[in-house]
Amino acid sequence: MADALELDALWEDFHRVVNMTSAELAAWLKVRDAAEDTEPLPEEAGSPTGQHVLAILQKRRTDLTEDDLRVMRKVVDTVTEQADLENEPEAEDTRRRHRLMTIGHDPLKP
């Protein structure tokens, strides 16, 4: 398990890059997975990582597991690599935006 300082830093980084609320993320995962002929159950919508991010958003820091910490690190790394946190995103870059939104980061959100 991570030490207290590392956990604090990861918690802060995760909540900085995951800028969608759990309600926004849940709604996005449902919309993203909806198809004309089939729609998954609401609690099964989205990628496994997206579902895990949603679960983490609903937890307290003291309830995190090692698996949660692994996913949090992965999300922070992914968003840091793929999102340009310094500059305004291009609205035309829809595919990248949607990919980031599946893990809880909306680049168009302030």
PDB file of N, CA and C in Angstrom:
ATOM      1  N   MET A   1       0.852  -1.184   0.000  1.00  0.00           N
ATOM      2  CA  MET A   1       0.000   0.000   0.000  1.00  0.00           C
ATOM      3  C   MET A   1       0.895   1.243   0.000  1.00  0.00           C
ATOM      4  N   ALA A   2       0.423   2.284  -0.617  1.00  0.00           N
ATOM      5  CA  ALA A   2       1.172   3.537  -0.708  1.00  0.00           C
ATOM      6  C   ALA A   2       1.253   4.192   0.672  1.00  0.00           C
ATOM      7  N   ASP A   3       2.342   4.943   0.906  1.00  0.00           N
ATOM      8  CA  ASP A   3       2.418   5.667   2.177  1.00  0.00           C
ATOM      9  C   ASP A   3       1.480   6.875   2.118  1.00  0.00           C
ATOM     10  N   ALA A   4       1.287   7.528   3.256  1.00  0.00           N
ATOM     11  CA  ALA A   4       0.292   8.600   3.360  1.00  0.00           C
ATOM     12  C   ALA A   4       0.570   9.752   2.405  1.00  0.00           C
ATOM     13  N   LEU A   5       1.834  10.157   2.274  1.00  0.00           N
ATOM     14  CA  LEU A   5       2.162  11.274   1.371  1.00  0.00           C
ATOM     15  C   LEU A   5       1.912  10.906  -0.085  1.00  0.00           C
ATOM     16  N   GLU A   6       2.308   9.702  -0.459  1.00  0.00           N
ATOM     17  CA  GLU A   6       2.091   9.238  -1.836  1.00  0.00           C
ATOM     18  C   GLU A   6       0.594   9.125  -2.125  1.00  0.00           C
ATOM     19  N   LEU A   7      -0.161   8.618  -1.161  1.00  0.00           N
ATOM     20  CA  LEU A   7      -1.602   8.479  -1.317  1.00  0.00           C
ATOM     21  C   LEU A   7      -2.263   9.849  -1.460  1.00  0.00           C
ATOM     22  N   ASP A   8      -1.842  10.805  -0.628  1.00  0.00           N
ATOM     23  CA  ASP A   8      -2.380  12.170  -0.722  1.00  0.00           C
ATOM     24  C   ASP A   8      -2.118  12.770  -2.092  1.00  0.00           C
ATOM     25  N   ALA A   9      -0.897  12.613  -2.589  1.00  0.00           N
ATOM     26  CA  ALA A   9      -0.526  13.173  -3.895  1.00  0.00           C
ATOM     27  C   ALA A   9      -1.333  12.507  -5.010  1.00  0.00           C
ATOM     28  N   LEU A  10      -1.461  11.188  -4.957  1.00  0.00           N
ATOM     29  CA  LEU A  10      -2.225  10.465  -5.981  1.00  0.00           C
ATOM     30  C   LEU A  10      -3.699  10.870  -5.933  1.00  0.00           C
ATOM     31  N   TRP A  11      -4.261  10.984  -4.740  1.00  0.00           N
ATOM     32  CA  TRP A  11      -5.662  11.397  -4.572  1.00  0.00           C
ATOM     33  C   TRP A  11      -5.886  12.768  -5.207  1.00  0.00           C
ATOM     34  N   GLU A  12      -4.977  13.711  -4.908  1.00  0.00           N
ATOM     35  CA  GLU A  12      -5.084  15.069  -5.459  1.00  0.00           C
ATOM     36  C   GLU A  12      -4.945  15.055  -6.983  1.00  0.00           C
ATOM     37  N   ASP A  13      -3.935  14.344  -7.496  1.00  0.00           N
ATOM     38  CA  ASP A  13      -3.726  14.265  -8.949  1.00  0.00           C
ATOM     39  C   ASP A  13      -4.929  13.653  -9.649  1.00  0.00           C
ATOM     40  N   PHE A  14      -5.444  12.568  -9.091  1.00  0.00           N
ATOM     41  CA  PHE A  14      -6.595  11.879  -9.684  1.00  0.00           C
ATOM     42  C   PHE A  14      -7.795  12.813  -9.757  1.00  0.00           C
ATOM     43  N   HIS A  15      -8.089  13.509  -8.662  1.00  0.00           N
ATOM     44  CA  HIS A  15      -9.254  14.383  -8.647  1.00  0.00           C
ATOM     45  C   HIS A  15      -9.024  15.674  -9.436  1.00  0.00           C
ATOM     46  N   ARG A  16      -7.774  15.982  -9.739  1.00  0.00           N
ATOM     47  CA  ARG A  16      -7.484  17.129 -10.605  1.00  0.00           C
ATOM     48  C   ARG A  16      -7.758  16.751 -12.068  1.00  0.00           C
ATOM     49  N   VAL A  17      -7.328  15.564 -12.482  1.00  0.00           N
ATOM     50  CA  VAL A  17      -7.494  15.173 -13.893  1.00  0.00           C
ATOM     51  C   VAL A  17      -8.886  14.619 -14.178  1.00  0.00           C
ATOM     52  N   VAL A  18      -9.514  13.988 -13.194  1.00  0.00           N
ATOM     53  CA  VAL A  18     -10.879  13.496 -13.373  1.00  0.00           C
ATOM     54  C   VAL A  18     -11.796  14.658 -13.008  1.00  0.00           C
ATOM     55  N   ASN A  19     -12.192  15.420 -14.036  1.00  0.00           N
ATOM     56  CA  ASN A  19     -12.963  16.649 -13.798  1.00  0.00           C
ATOM     57  C   ASN A  19     -14.458  16.470 -14.045  1.00  0.00           C
ATOM     58  N   MET A  20     -14.875  15.241 -14.290  1.00  0.00           N
ATOM     59  CA  MET A  20     -16.303  14.964 -14.435  1.00  0.00           C
ATOM     60  C   MET A  20     -16.818  14.415 -13.104  1.00  0.00           C
ATOM     61  N   THR A  21     -18.047  14.763 -12.760  1.00  0.00           N
ATOM     62  CA  THR A  21     -18.654  14.201 -11.555  1.00  0.00           C
ATOM     63  C   THR A  21     -19.016  12.745 -11.827  1.00  0.00           C
ATOM     64  N   SER A  22     -19.311  12.019 -10.767  1.00  0.00           N
ATOM     65  CA  SER A  22     -19.700  10.621 -10.969  1.00  0.00           C
ATOM     66  C   SER A  22     -20.991  10.537 -11.788  1.00  0.00           C
ATOM     67  N   ALA A  23     -21.909  11.485 -11.586  1.00  0.00           N
ATOM     68  CA  ALA A  23     -23.155  11.492 -12.364  1.00  0.00           C
ATOM     69  C   ALA A  23     -22.866  11.757 -13.845  1.00  0.00           C
ATOM     70  N   GLU A  24     -21.979  12.712 -14.129  1.00  0.00           N
ATOM     71  CA  GLU A  24     -21.624  13.012 -15.525  1.00  0.00           C
ATOM     72  C   GLU A  24     -20.944  11.818 -16.182  1.00  0.00           C
ATOM     73  N   LEU A  25     -20.031  11.184 -15.450  1.00  0.00           N
ATOM     74  CA  LEU A  25     -19.321  10.034 -16.007  1.00  0.00           C
ATOM     75  C   LEU A  25     -20.278   8.866 -16.246  1.00  0.00           C
ATOM     76  N   ALA A  26     -21.152   8.602 -15.289  1.00  0.00           N
ATOM     77  CA  ALA A  26     -22.116   7.505 -15.453  1.00  0.00           C
ATOM     78  C   ALA A  26     -23.003   7.750 -16.671  1.00  0.00           C
ATOM     79  N   ALA A  27     -23.476   8.977 -16.821  1.00  0.00           N
ATOM     80  CA  ALA A  27     -24.324   9.318 -17.972  1.00  0.00           C
ATOM     81  C   ALA A  27     -23.545   9.161 -19.272  1.00  0.00           C
ATOM     82  N   TRP A  28     -22.283   9.605 -19.288  1.00  0.00           N
ATOM     83  CA  TRP A  28     -21.460   9.505 -20.493  1.00  0.00           C
ATOM     84  C   TRP A  28     -21.224   8.045 -20.859  1.00  0.00           C
ATOM     85  N   LEU A  29     -20.912   7.209 -19.881  1.00  0.00           N
ATOM     86  CA  LEU A  29     -20.661   5.794 -20.161  1.00  0.00           C
ATOM     87  C   LEU A  29     -21.905   5.133 -20.740  1.00  0.00           C
ATOM     88  N   LYS A  30     -23.084   5.507 -20.256  1.00  0.00           N
ATOM     89  CA  LYS A  30     -24.338   4.946 -20.792  1.00  0.00           C
ATOM     90  C   LYS A  30     -24.553   5.394 -22.228  1.00  0.00           C
ATOM     91  N   VAL A  31     -24.347   6.677 -22.500  1.00  0.00           N
ATOM     92  CA  VAL A  31     -24.530   7.221 -23.853  1.00  0.00           C
ATOM     93  C   VAL A  31     -23.510   6.597 -24.796  1.00  0.00           C
ATOM     94  N   ARG A  32     -22.280   6.510 -24.339  1.00  0.00           N
ATOM     95  CA  ARG A  32     -21.179   5.999 -25.165  1.00  0.00           C
ATOM     96  C   ARG A  32     -21.439   4.556 -25.586  1.00  0.00           C
ATOM     97  N   ASP A  33     -22.023   3.751 -24.709  1.00  0.00           N
ATOM     98  CA  ASP A  33     -22.230   2.331 -24.989  1.00  0.00           C
ATOM     99  C   ASP A  33     -23.567   2.034 -25.654  1.00  0.00           C
ATOM    100  N   ALA A  34     -24.446   3.011 -25.710  1.00  0.00           N
ATOM    101  CA  ALA A  34     -25.770   2.767 -26.281  1.00  0.00           C
ATOM    102  C   ALA A  34     -25.645   2.523 -27.780  1.00  0.00           C
ATOM    103  N   ALA A  35     -26.294   1.491 -28.232  1.00  0.00           N
ATOM    104  CA  ALA A  35     -26.315   1.173 -29.655  1.00  0.00           C
ATOM    105  C   ALA A  35     -27.773   1.046 -30.081  1.00  0.00           C
ATOM    106  N   GLU A  36     -27.986   1.013 -31.384  1.00  0.00           N
ATOM    107  CA  GLU A  36     -29.356   0.961 -31.880  1.00  0.00           C
ATOM    108  C   GLU A  36     -30.092  -0.294 -31.427  1.00  0.00           C
ATOM    109  N   ASP A  37     -29.398  -1.436 -31.466  1.00  0.00           N
ATOM    110  CA  ASP A  37     -30.072  -2.694 -31.190  1.00  0.00           C
ATOM    111  C   ASP A  37     -29.851  -3.215 -29.774  1.00  0.00           C
ATOM    112  N   THR A  38     -28.882  -2.698 -29.078  1.00  0.00           N
ATOM    113  CA  THR A  38     -28.588  -3.214 -27.745  1.00  0.00           C
ATOM    114  C   THR A  38     -28.042  -2.116 -26.853  1.00  0.00           C
ATOM    115  N   GLU A  39     -28.408  -2.193 -25.614  1.00  0.00           N
ATOM    116  CA  GLU A  39     -27.889  -1.242 -24.639  1.00  0.00           C
ATOM    117  C   GLU A  39     -27.574  -2.027 -23.370  1.00  0.00           C
ATOM    118  N   PRO A  40     -26.358  -1.889 -22.826  1.00  0.00           N
ATOM    119  CA  PRO A  40     -26.015  -2.660 -21.633  1.00  0.00           C
ATOM    120  C   PRO A  40     -26.790  -2.167 -20.414  1.00  0.00           C
ATOM    121  N   LEU A  41     -26.788  -2.984 -19.388  1.00  0.00           N
ATOM    122  CA  LEU A  41     -27.384  -2.551 -18.129  1.00  0.00           C
ATOM    123  C   LEU A  41     -26.617  -1.326 -17.647  1.00  0.00           C
ATOM    124  N   PRO A  42     -27.289  -0.365 -17.016  1.00  0.00           N
ATOM    125  CA  PRO A  42     -26.619   0.886 -16.603  1.00  0.00           C
ATOM    126  C   PRO A  42     -25.341   0.669 -15.813  1.00  0.00           C
ATOM    127  N   GLU A  43     -25.345  -0.315 -14.909  1.00  0.00           N
ATOM    128  CA  GLU A  43     -24.143  -0.530 -14.102  1.00  0.00           C
ATOM    129  C   GLU A  43     -23.027  -1.248 -14.871  1.00  0.00           C
ATOM    130  N   GLU A  44     -23.315  -1.678 -16.096  1.00  0.00           N
ATOM    131  CA  GLU A  44     -22.307  -2.355 -16.913  1.00  0.00           C
ATOM    132  C   GLU A  44     -21.869  -1.516 -18.113  1.00  0.00           C
ATOM    133  N   ALA A  45     -22.363  -0.291 -18.227  1.00  0.00           N
ATOM    134  CA  ALA A  45     -22.030   0.554 -19.371  1.00  0.00           C
ATOM    135  C   ALA A  45     -20.605   1.073 -19.248  1.00  0.00           C
ATOM    136  N   GLY A  46     -19.947   1.165 -20.392  1.00  0.00           N
ATOM    137  CA  GLY A  46     -18.599   1.729 -20.419  1.00  0.00           C
ATOM    138  C   GLY A  46     -17.528   0.680 -20.300  1.00  0.00           C
ATOM    139  N   SER A  47     -16.291   1.144 -20.433  1.00  0.00           N
ATOM    140  CA  SER A  47     -15.140   0.247 -20.340  1.00  0.00           C
ATOM    141  C   SER A  47     -14.929  -0.160 -18.886  1.00  0.00           C
ATOM    142  N   PRO A  48     -14.203  -1.249 -18.661  1.00  0.00           N
ATOM    143  CA  PRO A  48     -13.890  -1.629 -17.280  1.00  0.00           C
ATOM    144  C   PRO A  48     -13.157  -0.509 -16.531  1.00  0.00           C
ATOM    145  N   THR A  49     -12.259   0.185 -17.230  1.00  0.00           N
ATOM    146  CA  THR A  49     -11.543   1.278 -16.576  1.00  0.00           C
ATOM    147  C   THR A  49     -12.499   2.412 -16.231  1.00  0.00           C
ATOM    148  N   GLY A  50     -13.391   2.753 -17.148  1.00  0.00           N
ATOM    149  CA  GLY A  50     -14.378   3.790 -16.877  1.00  0.00           C
ATOM    150  C   GLY A  50     -15.258   3.428 -15.695  1.00  0.00           C
ATOM    151  N   GLN A  51     -15.666   2.171 -15.615  1.00  0.00           N
ATOM    152  CA  GLN A  51     -16.474   1.710 -14.490  1.00  0.00           C
ATOM    153  C   GLN A  51     -15.683   1.787 -13.182  1.00  0.00           C
ATOM    154  N   HIS A  52     -14.392   1.457 -13.259  1.00  0.00           N
ATOM    155  CA  HIS A  52     -13.544   1.499 -12.061  1.00  0.00           C
ATOM    156  C   HIS A  52     -13.366   2.947 -11.597  1.00  0.00           C
ATOM    157  N   VAL A  53     -13.167   3.872 -12.538  1.00  0.00           N
ATOM    158  CA  VAL A  53     -13.056   5.295 -12.183  1.00  0.00           C
ATOM    159  C   VAL A  53     -14.342   5.742 -11.487  1.00  0.00           C
ATOM    160  N   LEU A  54     -15.465   5.344 -12.023  1.00  0.00           N
ATOM    161  CA  LEU A  54     -16.755   5.691 -11.428  1.00  0.00           C
ATOM    162  C   LEU A  54     -16.837   5.161  -9.995  1.00  0.00           C
ATOM    163  N   ALA A  55     -16.406   3.933  -9.779  1.00  0.00           N
ATOM    164  CA  ALA A  55     -16.423   3.346  -8.432  1.00  0.00           C
ATOM    165  C   ALA A  55     -15.490   4.114  -7.489  1.00  0.00           C
ATOM    166  N   ILE A  56     -14.318   4.506  -7.978  1.00  0.00           N
ATOM    167  CA  ILE A  56     -13.361   5.252  -7.151  1.00  0.00           C
ATOM    168  C   ILE A  56     -13.951   6.600  -6.750  1.00  0.00           C
ATOM    169  N   LEU A  57     -14.643   7.262  -7.681  1.00  0.00           N
ATOM    170  CA  LEU A  57     -15.241   8.566  -7.382  1.00  0.00           C
ATOM    171  C   LEU A  57     -16.259   8.470  -6.242  1.00  0.00           C
ATOM    172  N   GLN A  58     -16.793   7.293  -6.033  1.00  0.00           N
ATOM    173  CA  GLN A  58     -17.818   7.120  -5.005  1.00  0.00           C
ATOM    174  C   GLN A  58     -17.237   6.606  -3.684  1.00  0.00           C
ATOM    175  N   LYS A  59     -15.900   6.509  -3.617  1.00  0.00           N
ATOM    176  CA  LYS A  59     -15.234   6.004  -2.413  1.00  0.00           C
ATOM    177  C   LYS A  59     -14.588   7.122  -1.621  1.00  0.00           C
ATOM    178  N   ARG A  60     -14.349   6.812  -0.364  1.00  0.00           N
ATOM    179  CA  ARG A  60     -13.527   7.685   0.467  1.00  0.00           C
ATOM    180  C   ARG A  60     -12.081   7.237   0.304  1.00  0.00           C
ATOM    181  N   ARG A  61     -11.178   8.135   0.569  1.00  0.00           N
ATOM    182  CA  ARG A  61      -9.747   7.835   0.429  1.00  0.00           C
ATOM    183  C   ARG A  61      -9.359   6.614   1.261  1.00  0.00           C
ATOM    184  N   THR A  62      -9.934   6.472   2.435  1.00  0.00           N
ATOM    185  CA  THR A  62      -9.563   5.364   3.326  1.00  0.00           C
ATOM    186  C   THR A  62     -10.062   4.001   2.833  1.00  0.00           C
ATOM    187  N   ASP A  63     -10.973   4.002   1.871  1.00  0.00           N
ATOM    188  CA  ASP A  63     -11.536   2.747   1.358  1.00  0.00           C
ATOM    189  C   ASP A  63     -10.855   2.243   0.087  1.00  0.00           C
ATOM    190  N   LEU A  64      -9.814   2.934  -0.368  1.00  0.00           N
ATOM    191  CA  LEU A  64      -9.159   2.552  -1.615  1.00  0.00           C
ATOM    192  C   LEU A  64      -8.392   1.235  -1.477  1.00  0.00           C
ATOM    193  N   THR A  65      -8.438   0.443  -2.540  1.00  0.00           N
ATOM    194  CA  THR A  65      -7.690  -0.818  -2.593  1.00  0.00           C
ATOM    195  C   THR A  65      -6.443  -0.624  -3.455  1.00  0.00           C
ATOM    196  N   GLU A  66      -5.568  -1.621  -3.464  1.00  0.00           N
ATOM    197  CA  GLU A  66      -4.387  -1.574  -4.329  1.00  0.00           C
ATOM    198  C   GLU A  66      -4.809  -1.466  -5.794  1.00  0.00           C
ATOM    199  N   ASP A  67      -5.867  -2.177  -6.165  1.00  0.00           N
ATOM    200  CA  ASP A  67      -6.370  -2.122  -7.536  1.00  0.00           C
ATOM    201  C   ASP A  67      -6.858  -0.715  -7.877  1.00  0.00           C
ATOM    202  N   ASP A  68      -7.519  -0.051  -6.919  1.00  0.00           N
ATOM    203  CA  ASP A  68      -7.955   1.332  -7.118  1.00  0.00           C
ATOM    204  C   ASP A  68      -6.746   2.230  -7.373  1.00  0.00           C
ATOM    205  N   LEU A  69      -5.700   2.062  -6.578  1.00  0.00           N
ATOM    206  CA  LEU A  69      -4.497   2.893  -6.721  1.00  0.00           C
ATOM    207  C   LEU A  69      -3.853   2.683  -8.089  1.00  0.00           C
ATOM    208  N   ARG A  70      -3.849   1.426  -8.556  1.00  0.00           N
ATOM    209  CA  ARG A  70      -3.283   1.121  -9.880  1.00  0.00           C
ATOM    210  C   ARG A  70      -4.071   1.846 -10.968  1.00  0.00           C
ATOM    211  N   VAL A  71      -5.393   1.790 -10.891  1.00  0.00           N
ATOM    212  CA  VAL A  71      -6.240   2.458 -11.887  1.00  0.00           C
ATOM    213  C   VAL A  71      -6.066   3.973 -11.793  1.00  0.00           C
ATOM    214  N   MET A  72      -5.986   4.501 -10.583  1.00  0.00           N
ATOM    215  CA  MET A  72      -5.804   5.948 -10.414  1.00  0.00           C
ATOM    216  C   MET A  72      -4.498   6.411 -11.061  1.00  0.00           C
ATOM    217  N   ARG A  73      -3.418   5.659 -10.853  1.00  0.00           N
ATOM    218  CA  ARG A  73      -2.130   6.010 -11.482  1.00  0.00           C
ATOM    219  C   ARG A  73      -2.244   5.965 -13.004  1.00  0.00           C
ATOM    220  N   LYS A  74      -2.910   4.911 -13.512  1.00  0.00           N
ATOM    221  CA  LYS A  74      -3.084   4.754 -14.961  1.00  0.00           C
ATOM    222  C   LYS A  74      -3.874   5.930 -15.541  1.00  0.00           C
ATOM    223  N   VAL A  75      -4.933   6.341 -14.862  1.00  0.00           N
ATOM    224  CA  VAL A  75      -5.773   7.453 -15.343  1.00  0.00           C
ATOM    225  C   VAL A  75      -4.980   8.756 -15.322  1.00  0.00           C
ATOM    226  N   VAL A  76      -4.266   9.014 -14.231  1.00  0.00           N
ATOM    227  CA  VAL A  76      -3.457  10.240 -14.139  1.00  0.00           C
ATOM    228  C   VAL A  76      -2.422  10.255 -15.264  1.00  0.00           C
ATOM    229  N   ASP A  77      -1.739   9.126 -15.480  1.00  0.00           N
ATOM    230  CA  ASP A  77      -0.723   9.056 -16.542  1.00  0.00           C
ATOM    231  C   ASP A  77      -1.350   9.256 -17.918  1.00  0.00           C
ATOM    232  N   THR A  78      -2.473   8.600 -18.175  1.00  0.00           N
ATOM    233  CA  THR A  78      -3.131   8.697 -19.480  1.00  0.00           C
ATOM    234  C   THR A  78      -3.571  10.126 -19.769  1.00  0.00           C
ATOM    235  N   VAL A  79      -4.241  10.745 -18.805  1.00  0.00           N
ATOM    236  CA  VAL A  79      -4.727  12.108 -19.018  1.00  0.00           C
ATOM    237  C   VAL A  79      -3.549  13.065 -19.178  1.00  0.00           C
ATOM    238  N   THR A  80      -2.514  12.892 -18.372  1.00  0.00           N
ATOM    239  CA  THR A  80      -1.340  13.762 -18.455  1.00  0.00           C
ATOM    240  C   THR A  80      -0.671  13.643 -19.824  1.00  0.00           C
ATOM    241  N   GLU A  81      -0.613  12.427 -20.356  1.00  0.00           N
ATOM    242  CA  GLU A  81       0.011  12.199 -21.666  1.00  0.00           C
ATOM    243  C   GLU A  81      -0.857  12.704 -22.818  1.00  0.00           C
ATOM    244  N   GLN A  82      -2.170  12.509 -22.739  1.00  0.00           N
ATOM    245  CA  GLN A  82      -3.043  12.770 -23.884  1.00  0.00           C
ATOM    246  C   GLN A  82      -3.729  14.130 -23.871  1.00  0.00           C
ATOM    247  N   ALA A  83      -3.884  14.717 -22.705  1.00  0.00           N
ATOM    248  CA  ALA A  83      -4.584  15.996 -22.631  1.00  0.00           C
ATOM    249  C   ALA A  83      -3.563  17.116 -22.584  1.00  0.00           C
ATOM    250  N   ASP A  84      -3.879  18.194 -23.234  1.00  0.00           N
ATOM    251  CA  ASP A  84      -3.038  19.387 -23.168  1.00  0.00           C
ATOM    252  C   ASP A  84      -3.650  20.275 -22.095  1.00  0.00           C
ATOM    253  N   LEU A  85      -3.178  20.096 -20.865  1.00  0.00           N
ATOM    254  CA  LEU A  85      -3.792  20.784 -19.732  1.00  0.00           C
ATOM    255  C   LEU A  85      -3.470  22.277 -19.724  1.00  0.00           C
ATOM    256  N   GLU A  86      -2.509  22.692 -20.529  1.00  0.00           N
ATOM    257  CA  GLU A  86      -2.095  24.094 -20.552  1.00  0.00           C
ATOM    258  C   GLU A  86      -2.895  24.929 -21.557  1.00  0.00           C
ATOM    259  N   ASN A  87      -3.239  24.330 -22.683  1.00  0.00           N
ATOM    260  CA  ASN A  87      -3.878  25.076 -23.766  1.00  0.00           C
ATOM    261  C   ASN A  87      -5.336  24.678 -23.929  1.00  0.00           C
ATOM    262  N   GLU A  88      -6.097  25.574 -24.492  1.00  0.00           N
ATOM    263  CA  GLU A  88      -7.498  25.277 -24.780  1.00  0.00           C
ATOM    264  C   GLU A  88      -7.562  24.134 -25.795  1.00  0.00           C
ATOM    265  N   PRO A  89      -8.403  23.141 -25.550  1.00  0.00           N
ATOM    266  CA  PRO A  89      -8.517  22.034 -26.503  1.00  0.00           C
ATOM    267  C   PRO A  89      -9.239  22.485 -27.764  1.00  0.00           C
ATOM    268  N   GLU A  90      -8.958  21.790 -28.811  1.00  0.00           N
ATOM    269  CA  GLU A  90      -9.636  22.036 -30.083  1.00  0.00           C
ATOM    270  C   GLU A  90     -10.982  21.316 -30.054  1.00  0.00           C
ATOM    271  N   ALA A  91     -12.029  22.028 -30.320  1.00  0.00           N
ATOM    272  CA  ALA A  91     -13.360  21.417 -30.313  1.00  0.00           C
ATOM    273  C   ALA A  91     -13.480  20.322 -31.367  1.00  0.00           C
ATOM    274  N   GLU A  92     -12.683  20.437 -32.440  1.00  0.00           N
ATOM    275  CA  GLU A  92     -12.755  19.446 -33.520  1.00  0.00           C
ATOM    276  C   GLU A  92     -12.145  18.111 -33.119  1.00  0.00           C
ATOM    277  N   ASP A  93     -11.372  18.081 -32.053  1.00  0.00           N
ATOM    278  CA  ASP A  93     -10.689  16.857 -31.651  1.00  0.00           C
ATOM    279  C   ASP A  93     -11.632  15.964 -30.842  1.00  0.00           C
ATOM    280  N   THR A  94     -12.755  15.613 -31.455  1.00  0.00           N
ATOM    281  CA  THR A  94     -13.825  14.890 -30.781  1.00  0.00           C
ATOM    282  C   THR A  94     -13.397  13.496 -30.343  1.00  0.00           C
ATOM    283  N   ARG A  95     -12.686  12.772 -31.171  1.00  0.00           N
ATOM    284  CA  ARG A  95     -12.306  11.397 -30.836  1.00  0.00           C
ATOM    285  C   ARG A  95     -11.445  11.368 -29.571  1.00  0.00           C
ATOM    286  N   ARG A  96     -10.457  12.255 -29.495  1.00  0.00           N
ATOM    287  CA  ARG A  96      -9.577  12.308 -28.317  1.00  0.00           C
ATOM    288  C   ARG A  96     -10.388  12.700 -27.086  1.00  0.00           C
ATOM    289  N   ARG A  97     -11.278  13.688 -27.259  1.00  0.00           N
ATOM    290  CA  ARG A  97     -12.116  14.127 -26.141  1.00  0.00           C
ATOM    291  C   ARG A  97     -12.966  12.978 -25.622  1.00  0.00           C
ATOM    292  N   HIS A  98     -13.606  12.258 -26.503  1.00  0.00           N
ATOM    293  CA  HIS A  98     -14.475  11.155 -26.095  1.00  0.00           C
ATOM    294  C   HIS A  98     -13.678  10.048 -25.422  1.00  0.00           C
ATOM    295  N   ARG A  99     -12.480   9.776 -25.923  1.00  0.00           N
ATOM    296  CA  ARG A  99     -11.625   8.755 -25.321  1.00  0.00           C
ATOM    297  C   ARG A  99     -11.275   9.156 -23.880  1.00  0.00           C
ATOM    298  N   LEU A 100     -10.922  10.428 -23.681  1.00  0.00           N
ATOM    299  CA  LEU A 100     -10.587  10.906 -22.333  1.00  0.00           C
ATOM    300  C   LEU A 100     -11.819  10.931 -21.427  1.00  0.00           C
ATOM    301  N   MET A 101     -12.969  11.221 -22.007  1.00  0.00           N
ATOM    302  CA  MET A 101     -14.195  11.274 -21.204  1.00  0.00           C
ATOM    303  C   MET A 101     -14.556   9.896 -20.657  1.00  0.00           C
ATOM    304  N   THR A 102     -14.162   8.808 -21.338  1.00  0.00           N
ATOM    305  CA  THR A 102     -14.473   7.475 -20.842  1.00  0.00           C
ATOM    306  C   THR A 102     -13.720   7.165 -19.549  1.00  0.00           C
ATOM    307  N   ILE A 103     -12.693   7.962 -19.223  1.00  0.00           N
ATOM    308  CA  ILE A 103     -11.996   7.783 -17.949  1.00  0.00           C
ATOM    309  C   ILE A 103     -12.186   8.997 -17.033  1.00  0.00           C
ATOM    310  N   GLY A 104     -13.182   9.843 -17.358  1.00  0.00           N
ATOM    311  CA  GLY A 104     -13.573  10.887 -16.447  1.00  0.00           C
ATOM    312  C   GLY A 104     -12.960  12.266 -16.663  1.00  0.00           C
ATOM    313  N   HIS A 105     -12.262  12.456 -17.793  1.00  0.00           N
ATOM    314  CA  HIS A 105     -11.665  13.775 -18.058  1.00  0.00           C
ATOM    315  C   HIS A 105     -12.298  14.389 -19.308  1.00  0.00           C
ATOM    316  N   ASP A 106     -12.965  15.521 -19.126  1.00  0.00           N
ATOM    317  CA  ASP A 106     -13.521  16.253 -20.266  1.00  0.00           C
ATOM    318  C   ASP A 106     -12.620  17.457 -20.540  1.00  0.00           C
ATOM    319  N   PRO A 107     -11.846  17.415 -21.647  1.00  0.00           N
ATOM    320  CA  PRO A 107     -10.913  18.494 -21.941  1.00  0.00           C
ATOM    321  C   PRO A 107     -11.595  19.836 -22.178  1.00  0.00           C
ATOM    322  N   LEU A 108     -12.881  19.838 -22.498  1.00  0.00           N
ATOM    323  CA  LEU A 108     -13.569  21.106 -22.754  1.00  0.00           C
ATOM    324  C   LEU A 108     -14.129  21.727 -21.474  1.00  0.00           C
ATOM    325  N   LYS A 109     -14.021  21.005 -20.382  1.00  0.00           N
ATOM    326  CA  LYS A 109     -14.525  21.516 -19.100  1.00  0.00           C
ATOM    327  C   LYS A 109     -13.448  22.378 -18.441  1.00  0.00           C
ATOM    328  N   PRO A 110     -13.834  23.552 -17.930  1.00  0.00           N
ATOM    329  CA  PRO A 110     -12.821  24.418 -17.297  1.00  0.00           C
ATOM    330  C   PRO A 110     -12.257  23.826 -16.010  1.00  0.00           C
TER     331      PRO A 110
END
